[in-house]
Amino acid sequence: MKRTDPININELVAVFTRRLGIDGDLKRVRIYQAWDDVVGLRVAQATAKKFYREKDKILFCTMTSSPLANQLYFQSEVIKKRINEELQEDLVSKVVIR
């Protein structure tokens, strides 16, 4: 068996998930978890539905409370920035609050 240079475990996992076709699903889970971490427990519990559209990197979040949705709408740029910081890469270009 031929020896090769060592490979970083992160690279190995990325190759493995890409070959299995689950890299998009894992990305979505990471984004949804980052949403919950950034907005906090109460807002996360008030989030009825989350959807990530990968082609244009938009995160859609449907809230159970209209006043809360209105408040979050005005903070959506800050939330987007904090989600990307949490993920340590630019996976979200826009956050749409409904």
Protein backbone atom coordinates (compact mmCIF):
# COMPACT_ATOMS: atom_id res chain seq x y z
CA MET A 1 0.00 0.00 0.00
CA LYS A 2 1.38 3.37 -1.03
CA ARG A 3 1.77 6.00 1.68
CA THR A 4 0.63 9.52 1.02
CA ASP A 5 0.98 12.78 2.85
CA PRO A 6 -1.25 13.16 5.90
CA ILE A 7 -4.63 14.74 5.28
CA ASN A 8 -6.44 17.10 7.61
CA ILE A 9 -9.51 15.48 9.23
CA ASN A 10 -11.70 18.43 8.16
CA GLU A 11 -10.70 17.88 4.53
CA LEU A 12 -11.35 14.16 4.87
CA VAL A 13 -14.84 14.73 6.28
CA ALA A 14 -15.58 17.29 3.53
CA VAL A 15 -14.57 14.82 0.81
CA PHE A 16 -16.55 12.02 2.47
CA THR A 17 -19.76 14.07 2.83
CA ARG A 18 -19.45 15.38 -0.73
CA ARG A 19 -19.14 11.82 -2.08
CA LEU A 20 -22.19 10.74 -0.09
CA GLY A 21 -24.13 13.76 -1.34
CA ILE A 22 -24.97 15.02 2.15
CA ASP A 23 -22.75 18.11 2.24
CA GLY A 24 -25.73 20.41 1.49
CA ASP A 25 -27.77 18.87 4.31
CA LEU A 26 -24.92 19.29 6.79
CA LYS A 27 -24.51 22.90 5.69
CA ARG A 28 -28.22 23.53 6.34
CA VAL A 29 -28.01 21.97 9.81
CA ARG A 30 -25.00 24.16 10.65
CA ILE A 31 -26.85 27.29 9.48
CA TYR A 32 -30.01 26.44 11.44
CA GLN A 33 -27.92 25.76 14.57
CA ALA A 34 -26.09 29.07 14.09
CA TRP A 35 -29.49 30.85 13.85
CA ASP A 36 -30.53 29.33 17.18
CA ASP A 37 -27.21 30.26 18.81
CA VAL A 38 -27.19 33.83 17.47
CA VAL A 39 -30.80 34.81 18.25
CA GLY A 40 -31.06 33.01 21.58
CA LEU A 41 -33.42 30.47 23.09
CA ARG A 42 -36.64 32.53 23.19
CA VAL A 43 -36.42 33.68 19.57
CA ALA A 44 -35.35 30.20 18.46
CA GLN A 45 -38.46 28.77 20.14
CA ALA A 46 -40.60 31.41 18.40
CA THR A 47 -39.21 30.40 15.00
CA ALA A 48 -41.90 28.31 13.32
CA LYS A 49 -39.96 27.40 10.19
CA LYS A 50 -36.46 27.83 8.75
CA PHE A 51 -35.52 27.33 5.12
CA TYR A 52 -32.15 27.86 3.44
CA ARG A 53 -32.02 28.40 -0.33
CA GLU A 54 -28.49 27.44 -1.27
CA LYS A 55 -28.38 28.87 -4.81
CA ASP A 56 -28.58 32.47 -3.58
CA LYS A 57 -27.61 31.86 0.07
CA ILE A 58 -30.83 33.21 1.59
CA LEU A 59 -32.07 32.07 5.01
CA PHE A 60 -35.86 32.37 5.40
CA CYS A 61 -37.25 32.33 8.95
CA THR A 62 -40.96 32.33 9.75
CA MET A 63 -41.83 33.62 13.21
CA THR A 64 -44.88 32.80 15.33
CA SER A 65 -45.16 36.42 16.50
CA SER A 66 -45.65 39.37 14.14
CA PRO A 67 -44.20 41.97 16.56
CA LEU A 68 -41.11 39.79 17.03
CA ALA A 69 -40.79 39.31 13.26
CA ASN A 70 -40.97 43.08 12.81
CA GLN A 71 -38.27 43.65 15.42
CA LEU A 72 -36.01 41.00 13.87
CA TYR A 73 -36.55 42.45 10.40
CA PHE A 74 -34.71 45.60 11.45
CA GLN A 75 -31.85 43.52 12.88
CA SER A 76 -31.55 41.10 9.95
CA GLU A 77 -28.20 42.52 8.70
CA VAL A 78 -26.63 42.15 12.14
CA ILE A 79 -28.06 38.64 12.48
CA LYS A 80 -26.67 37.68 9.06
CA LYS A 81 -23.23 38.98 10.00
CA ARG A 82 -23.24 37.11 13.33
CA ILE A 83 -24.38 33.85 11.69
CA ASN A 84 -21.51 34.05 9.19
CA GLU A 85 -19.08 34.81 12.03
CA GLU A 86 -20.42 31.81 13.95
CA LEU A 87 -19.95 29.59 10.89
CA GLN A 88 -16.57 31.17 10.07
CA GLU A 89 -17.52 31.42 6.40
CA ASP A 90 -19.98 33.39 4.25
CA LEU A 91 -22.84 30.93 3.83
CA VAL A 92 -25.69 33.42 4.30
CA SER A 93 -26.01 36.48 2.05
CA LYS A 94 -29.44 37.58 3.34
CA VAL A 95 -31.84 36.77 6.17
CA VAL A 96 -35.55 37.10 5.34
CA ILE A 97 -37.88 37.32 8.35
CA ARG A 98 -41.56 36.47 7.83
